[in-house]
Amino acid sequence: MSFSDEVFNKYARFISEKLSFYDSNGTEVAYISDKKLFIKMAEITVSLKIGGLMDLVMANGDVVTKWVGG
């Protein structure tokens, strides 16, 4: 087993129902299942686009929602 295989097996696991991602403590932090991505906690530092809306985090910490189409 190569080093890259060991890292992949430590931080990600694929089973028939889902693809799971783990932190360095072995805790599942996100997974993909049934065509959906599930994230237990997220921190967006610059921007987030959902459909046609984008949330922009400004330098002063304000959040601005902007229609960008989609």
PDB file of N, CA and C in Angstrom:
ATOM      1  N   MET A   1       0.858  -1.185   0.000  1.00  0.00           N
ATOM      2  CA  MET A   1       0.000   0.000   0.000  1.00  0.00           C
ATOM      3  C   MET A   1       0.893   1.234   0.000  1.00  0.00           C
ATOM      4  N   SER A   2       0.605   2.174  -0.877  1.00  0.00           N
ATOM      5  CA  SER A   2       1.411   3.389  -0.964  1.00  0.00           C
ATOM      6  C   SER A   2       0.961   4.401   0.089  1.00  0.00           C
ATOM      7  N   PHE A   3       1.781   5.430   0.286  1.00  0.00           N
ATOM      8  CA  PHE A   3       1.439   6.491   1.237  1.00  0.00           C
ATOM      9  C   PHE A   3       0.120   7.149   0.869  1.00  0.00           C
ATOM     10  N   SER A   4      -0.101   7.437  -0.421  1.00  0.00           N
ATOM     11  CA  SER A   4      -1.341   8.113  -0.825  1.00  0.00           C
ATOM     12  C   SER A   4      -2.562   7.249  -0.531  1.00  0.00           C
ATOM     13  N   ASP A   5      -2.452   5.931  -0.669  1.00  0.00           N
ATOM     14  CA  ASP A   5      -3.566   5.043  -0.331  1.00  0.00           C
ATOM     15  C   ASP A   5      -3.880   5.111   1.158  1.00  0.00           C
ATOM     16  N   GLU A   6      -2.855   5.165   1.989  1.00  0.00           N
ATOM     17  CA  GLU A   6      -3.066   5.225   3.434  1.00  0.00           C
ATOM     18  C   GLU A   6      -3.745   6.526   3.836  1.00  0.00           C
ATOM     19  N   VAL A   7      -3.339   7.641   3.271  1.00  0.00           N
ATOM     20  CA  VAL A   7      -3.951   8.935   3.577  1.00  0.00           C
ATOM     21  C   VAL A   7      -5.404   8.925   3.129  1.00  0.00           C
ATOM     22  N   PHE A   8      -5.667   8.429   1.926  1.00  0.00           N
ATOM     23  CA  PHE A   8      -7.043   8.362   1.433  1.00  0.00           C
ATOM     24  C   PHE A   8      -7.893   7.513   2.369  1.00  0.00           C
ATOM     25  N   ASN A   9      -7.407   6.365   2.779  1.00  0.00           N
ATOM     26  CA  ASN A   9      -8.186   5.491   3.655  1.00  0.00           C
ATOM     27  C   ASN A   9      -8.407   6.104   5.029  1.00  0.00           C
ATOM     28  N   LYS A  10      -7.495   6.948   5.492  1.00  0.00           N
ATOM     29  CA  LYS A  10      -7.639   7.567   6.800  1.00  0.00           C
ATOM     30  C   LYS A  10      -8.662   8.700   6.782  1.00  0.00           C
ATOM     31  N   TYR A  11      -8.739   9.476   5.699  1.00  0.00           N
ATOM     32  CA  TYR A  11      -9.574  10.668   5.658  1.00  0.00           C
ATOM     33  C   TYR A  11     -10.833  10.545   4.802  1.00  0.00           C
ATOM     34  N   ALA A  12     -10.983   9.462   4.059  1.00  0.00           N
ATOM     35  CA  ALA A  12     -12.179   9.274   3.239  1.00  0.00           C
ATOM     36  C   ALA A  12     -12.498   7.792   3.163  1.00  0.00           C
ATOM     37  N   ARG A  13     -13.774   7.489   3.097  1.00  0.00           N
ATOM     38  CA  ARG A  13     -14.209   6.090   3.007  1.00  0.00           C
ATOM     39  C   ARG A  13     -15.402   6.019   2.072  1.00  0.00           C
ATOM     40  N   PHE A  14     -15.354   5.081   1.149  1.00  0.00           N
ATOM     41  CA  PHE A  14     -16.452   4.883   0.200  1.00  0.00           C
ATOM     42  C   PHE A  14     -17.119   3.551   0.490  1.00  0.00           C
ATOM     43  N   ILE A  15     -18.417   3.600   0.750  1.00  0.00           N
ATOM     44  CA  ILE A  15     -19.230   2.389   0.861  1.00  0.00           C
ATOM     45  C   ILE A  15     -20.395   2.546  -0.102  1.00  0.00           C
ATOM     46  N   SER A  16     -21.198   1.513  -0.265  1.00  0.00           N
ATOM     47  CA  SER A  16     -22.240   1.560  -1.291  1.00  0.00           C
ATOM     48  C   SER A  16     -23.246   2.680  -1.071  1.00  0.00           C
ATOM     49  N   GLU A  17     -23.498   3.102   0.164  1.00  0.00           N
ATOM     50  CA  GLU A  17     -24.500   4.135   0.439  1.00  0.00           C
ATOM     51  C   GLU A  17     -23.955   5.550   0.420  1.00  0.00           C
ATOM     52  N   LYS A  18     -22.639   5.715   0.684  1.00  0.00           N
ATOM     53  CA  LYS A  18     -22.129   7.079   0.794  1.00  0.00           C
ATOM     54  C   LYS A  18     -20.609   7.132   0.713  1.00  0.00           C
ATOM     55  N   LEU A  19     -20.116   8.348   0.446  1.00  0.00           N
ATOM     56  CA  LEU A  19     -18.698   8.676   0.498  1.00  0.00           C
ATOM     57  C   LEU A  19     -18.518   9.596   1.694  1.00  0.00           C
ATOM     58  N   SER A  20     -17.737   9.177   2.685  1.00  0.00           N
ATOM     59  CA  SER A  20     -17.571   9.931   3.929  1.00  0.00           C
ATOM     60  C   SER A  20     -16.186  10.556   4.005  1.00  0.00           C
ATOM     61  N   PHE A  21     -16.115  11.719   4.669  1.00  0.00           N
ATOM     62  CA  PHE A  21     -14.861  12.424   4.892  1.00  0.00           C
ATOM     63  C   PHE A  21     -14.658  12.597   6.391  1.00  0.00           C
ATOM     64  N   TYR A  22     -13.415  12.405   6.848  1.00  0.00           N
ATOM     65  CA  TYR A  22     -13.101  12.405   8.276  1.00  0.00           C
ATOM     66  C   TYR A  22     -12.013  13.420   8.603  1.00  0.00           C
ATOM     67  N   ASP A  23     -12.033  13.927   9.836  1.00  0.00           N
ATOM     68  CA  ASP A  23     -10.961  14.805  10.285  1.00  0.00           C
ATOM     69  C   ASP A  23      -9.823  13.961  10.849  1.00  0.00           C
ATOM     70  N   SER A  24      -8.788  14.606  11.364  1.00  0.00           N
ATOM     71  CA  SER A  24      -7.616  13.878  11.860  1.00  0.00           C
ATOM     72  C   SER A  24      -7.903  13.044  13.103  1.00  0.00           C
ATOM     73  N   ASN A  25      -9.053  13.279  13.756  1.00  0.00           N
ATOM     74  CA  ASN A  25      -9.438  12.477  14.922  1.00  0.00           C
ATOM     75  C   ASN A  25     -10.318  11.293  14.550  1.00  0.00           C
ATOM     76  N   GLY A  26     -10.595  11.121  13.253  1.00  0.00           N
ATOM     77  CA  GLY A  26     -11.431  10.021  12.812  1.00  0.00           C
ATOM     78  C   GLY A  26     -12.924  10.302  12.900  1.00  0.00           C
ATOM     79  N   THR A  27     -13.310  11.556  13.118  1.00  0.00           N
ATOM     80  CA  THR A  27     -14.713  11.941  13.203  1.00  0.00           C
ATOM     81  C   THR A  27     -15.229  12.277  11.809  1.00  0.00           C
ATOM     82  N   GLU A  28     -16.377  11.710  11.437  1.00  0.00           N
ATOM     83  CA  GLU A  28     -16.969  12.030  10.143  1.00  0.00           C
ATOM     84  C   GLU A  28     -17.424  13.487  10.150  1.00  0.00           C
ATOM     85  N   VAL A  29     -16.948  14.274   9.186  1.00  0.00           N
ATOM     86  CA  VAL A  29     -17.278  15.698   9.130  1.00  0.00           C
ATOM     87  C   VAL A  29     -18.164  16.046   7.936  1.00  0.00           C
ATOM     88  N   ALA A  30     -18.209  15.182   6.924  1.00  0.00           N
ATOM     89  CA  ALA A  30     -19.044  15.425   5.747  1.00  0.00           C
ATOM     90  C   ALA A  30     -19.233  14.109   5.007  1.00  0.00           C
ATOM     91  N   TYR A  31     -20.321  14.044   4.230  1.00  0.00           N
ATOM     92  CA  TYR A  31     -20.512  12.872   3.381  1.00  0.00           C
ATOM     93  C   TYR A  31     -21.417  13.207   2.207  1.00  0.00           C
ATOM     94  N   ILE A  32     -21.307  12.391   1.164  1.00  0.00           N
ATOM     95  CA  ILE A  32     -22.157  12.496  -0.010  1.00  0.00           C
ATOM     96  C   ILE A  32     -23.011  11.241  -0.052  1.00  0.00           C
ATOM     97  N   SER A  33     -24.327  11.447  -0.170  1.00  0.00           N
ATOM     98  CA  SER A  33     -25.264  10.333  -0.227  1.00  0.00           C
ATOM     99  C   SER A  33     -26.522  10.783  -0.953  1.00  0.00           C
ATOM    100  N   ASP A  34     -27.087   9.919  -1.763  1.00  0.00           N
ATOM    101  CA  ASP A  34     -28.353  10.202  -2.453  1.00  0.00           C
ATOM    102  C   ASP A  34     -28.308  11.525  -3.217  1.00  0.00           C
ATOM    103  N   LYS A  35     -27.188  11.757  -3.927  1.00  0.00           N
ATOM    104  CA  LYS A  35     -26.988  12.959  -4.754  1.00  0.00           C
ATOM    105  C   LYS A  35     -26.981  14.250  -3.947  1.00  0.00           C
ATOM    106  N   LYS A  36     -26.644  14.185  -2.653  1.00  0.00           N
ATOM    107  CA  LYS A  36     -26.596  15.369  -1.788  1.00  0.00           C
ATOM    108  C   LYS A  36     -25.289  15.366  -1.001  1.00  0.00           C
ATOM    109  N   LEU A  37     -24.770  16.575  -0.733  1.00  0.00           N
ATOM    110  CA  LEU A  37     -23.589  16.745   0.109  1.00  0.00           C
ATOM    111  C   LEU A  37     -24.043  17.212   1.484  1.00  0.00           C
ATOM    112  N   PHE A  38     -23.642  16.506   2.517  1.00  0.00           N
ATOM    113  CA  PHE A  38     -23.986  16.848   3.897  1.00  0.00           C
ATOM    114  C   PHE A  38     -22.705  17.264   4.608  1.00  0.00           C
ATOM    115  N   ILE A  39     -22.708  18.476   5.187  1.00  0.00           N
ATOM    116  CA  ILE A  39     -21.547  18.992   5.914  1.00  0.00           C
ATOM    117  C   ILE A  39     -22.002  19.305   7.334  1.00  0.00           C
ATOM    118  N   LYS A  40     -21.306  18.775   8.325  1.00  0.00           N
ATOM    119  CA  LYS A  40     -21.725  18.970   9.709  1.00  0.00           C
ATOM    120  C   LYS A  40     -21.514  20.406  10.175  1.00  0.00           C
ATOM    121  N   MET A  41     -20.445  21.074   9.701  1.00  0.00           N
ATOM    122  CA  MET A  41     -20.195  22.464  10.057  1.00  0.00           C
ATOM    123  C   MET A  41     -19.372  23.079   8.933  1.00  0.00           C
ATOM    124  N   ALA A  42     -19.713  24.299   8.523  1.00  0.00           N
ATOM    125  CA  ALA A  42     -18.971  24.961   7.447  1.00  0.00           C
ATOM    126  C   ALA A  42     -18.653  26.389   7.849  1.00  0.00           C
ATOM    127  N   GLU A  43     -17.523  26.852   7.416  1.00  0.00           N
ATOM    128  CA  GLU A  43     -17.137  28.245   7.607  1.00  0.00           C
ATOM    129  C   GLU A  43     -16.799  28.802   6.234  1.00  0.00           C
ATOM    130  N   ILE A  44     -17.581  29.763   5.779  1.00  0.00           N
ATOM    131  CA  ILE A  44     -17.363  30.386   4.486  1.00  0.00           C
ATOM    132  C   ILE A  44     -16.587  31.675   4.731  1.00  0.00           C
ATOM    133  N   THR A  45     -15.397  31.790   4.158  1.00  0.00           N
ATOM    134  CA  THR A  45     -14.554  32.948   4.432  1.00  0.00           C
ATOM    135  C   THR A  45     -14.615  34.017   3.350  1.00  0.00           C
ATOM    136  N   VAL A  46     -15.094  33.669   2.144  1.00  0.00           N
ATOM    137  CA  VAL A  46     -15.143  34.666   1.077  1.00  0.00           C
ATOM    138  C   VAL A  46     -16.519  34.733   0.446  1.00  0.00           C
ATOM    139  N   SER A  47     -17.008  33.655  -0.154  1.00  0.00           N
ATOM    140  CA  SER A  47     -18.311  33.712  -0.815  1.00  0.00           C
ATOM    141  C   SER A  47     -18.951  32.326  -0.858  1.00  0.00           C
ATOM    142  N   LEU A  48     -20.269  32.324  -1.054  1.00  0.00           N
ATOM    143  CA  LEU A  48     -21.050  31.093  -1.169  1.00  0.00           C
ATOM    144  C   LEU A  48     -22.103  31.325  -2.226  1.00  0.00           C
ATOM    145  N   LYS A  49     -22.169  30.452  -3.231  1.00  0.00           N
ATOM    146  CA  LYS A  49     -23.183  30.567  -4.275  1.00  0.00           C
ATOM    147  C   LYS A  49     -24.134  29.390  -4.168  1.00  0.00           C
ATOM    148  N   ILE A  50     -25.434  29.702  -4.073  1.00  0.00           N
ATOM    149  CA  ILE A  50     -26.479  28.691  -4.035  1.00  0.00           C
ATOM    150  C   ILE A  50     -27.461  29.054  -5.133  1.00  0.00           C
ATOM    151  N   GLY A  51     -27.511  28.234  -6.184  1.00  0.00           N
ATOM    152  CA  GLY A  51     -28.363  28.563  -7.315  1.00  0.00           C
ATOM    153  C   GLY A  51     -27.916  29.875  -7.911  1.00  0.00           C
ATOM    154  N   GLY A  52     -28.817  30.847  -8.003  1.00  0.00           N
ATOM    155  CA  GLY A  52     -28.500  32.144  -8.573  1.00  0.00           C
ATOM    156  C   GLY A  52     -28.126  33.195  -7.554  1.00  0.00           C
ATOM    157  N   LEU A  53     -28.086  32.829  -6.276  1.00  0.00           N
ATOM    158  CA  LEU A  53     -27.747  33.794  -5.226  1.00  0.00           C
ATOM    159  C   LEU A  53     -26.333  33.563  -4.732  1.00  0.00           C
ATOM    160  N   MET A  54     -25.622  34.661  -4.501  1.00  0.00           N
ATOM    161  CA  MET A  54     -24.280  34.560  -3.940  1.00  0.00           C
ATOM    162  C   MET A  54     -24.208  35.440  -2.712  1.00  0.00           C
ATOM    163  N   ASP A  55     -23.725  34.869  -1.615  1.00  0.00           N
ATOM    164  CA  ASP A  55     -23.466  35.637  -0.402  1.00  0.00           C
ATOM    165  C   ASP A  55     -21.988  36.011  -0.398  1.00  0.00           C
ATOM    166  N   LEU A  56     -21.704  37.285  -0.287  1.00  0.00           N
ATOM    167  CA  LEU A  56     -20.339  37.778  -0.248  1.00  0.00           C
ATOM    168  C   LEU A  56     -20.043  38.301   1.150  1.00  0.00           C
ATOM    169  N   VAL A  57     -18.928  37.867   1.704  1.00  0.00           N
ATOM    170  CA  VAL A  57     -18.503  38.360   3.013  1.00  0.00           C
ATOM    171  C   VAL A  57     -17.536  39.508   2.766  1.00  0.00           C
ATOM    172  N   MET A  58     -17.906  40.684   3.238  1.00  0.00           N
ATOM    173  CA  MET A  58     -17.106  41.879   3.020  1.00  0.00           C
ATOM    174  C   MET A  58     -15.960  41.937   4.031  1.00  0.00           C
ATOM    175  N   ALA A  59     -14.966  42.763   3.762  1.00  0.00           N
ATOM    176  CA  ALA A  59     -13.793  42.884   4.625  1.00  0.00           C
ATOM    177  C   ALA A  59     -14.167  43.279   6.052  1.00  0.00           C
ATOM    178  N   ASN A  60     -15.262  44.043   6.212  1.00  0.00           N
ATOM    179  CA  ASN A  60     -15.675  44.473   7.555  1.00  0.00           C
ATOM    180  C   ASN A  60     -16.553  43.445   8.259  1.00  0.00           C
ATOM    181  N   GLY A  61     -16.792  42.286   7.601  1.00  0.00           N
ATOM    182  CA  GLY A  61     -17.594  41.228   8.205  1.00  0.00           C
ATOM    183  C   GLY A  61     -19.046  41.212   7.777  1.00  0.00           C
ATOM    184  N   ASP A  62     -19.495  42.281   7.113  1.00  0.00           N
ATOM    185  CA  ASP A  62     -20.887  42.309   6.617  1.00  0.00           C
ATOM    186  C   ASP A  62     -21.065  41.245   5.528  1.00  0.00           C
ATOM    187  N   VAL A  63     -22.288  40.735   5.425  1.00  0.00           N
ATOM    188  CA  VAL A  63     -22.627  39.759   4.383  1.00  0.00           C
ATOM    189  C   VAL A  63     -23.621  40.411   3.432  1.00  0.00           C
ATOM    190  N   VAL A  64     -23.332  40.364   2.154  1.00  0.00           N
ATOM    191  CA  VAL A  64     -24.179  40.947   1.120  1.00  0.00           C
ATOM    192  C   VAL A  64     -24.662  39.817   0.220  1.00  0.00           C
ATOM    193  N   THR A  65     -25.986  39.705   0.002  1.00  0.00           N
ATOM    194  CA  THR A  65     -26.538  38.710  -0.904  1.00  0.00           C
ATOM    195  C   THR A  65     -26.778  39.376  -2.249  1.00  0.00           C
ATOM    196  N   LYS A  66     -26.299  38.741  -3.314  1.00  0.00           N
ATOM    197  CA  LYS A  66     -26.378  39.322  -4.646  1.00  0.00           C
ATOM    198  C   LYS A  66     -26.931  38.277  -5.609  1.00  0.00           C
ATOM    199  N   TRP A  67     -27.856  38.675  -6.486  1.00  0.00           N
ATOM    200  CA  TRP A  67     -28.362  37.788  -7.539  1.00  0.00           C
ATOM    201  C   TRP A  67     -27.331  37.769  -8.664  1.00  0.00           C
ATOM    202  N   VAL A  68     -26.822  36.568  -8.990  1.00  0.00           N
ATOM    203  CA  VAL A  68     -25.825  36.449 -10.046  1.00  0.00           C
ATOM    204  C   VAL A  68     -26.349  35.611 -11.205  1.00  0.00           C
ATOM    205  N   GLY A  69     -27.604  35.213 -11.135  1.00  0.00           N
ATOM    206  CA  GLY A  69     -28.205  34.420 -12.207  1.00  0.00           C
ATOM    207  C   GLY A  69     -27.940  32.942 -12.036  1.00  0.00           C
ATOM    208  N   GLY A  70     -28.594  32.181 -12.804  1.00  0.00           N
ATOM    209  CA  GLY A  70     -28.359  30.751 -12.661  1.00  0.00           C
ATOM    210  C   GLY A  70     -29.384  30.004 -13.349  1.00  0.00           C
TER     211      GLY A  70
END
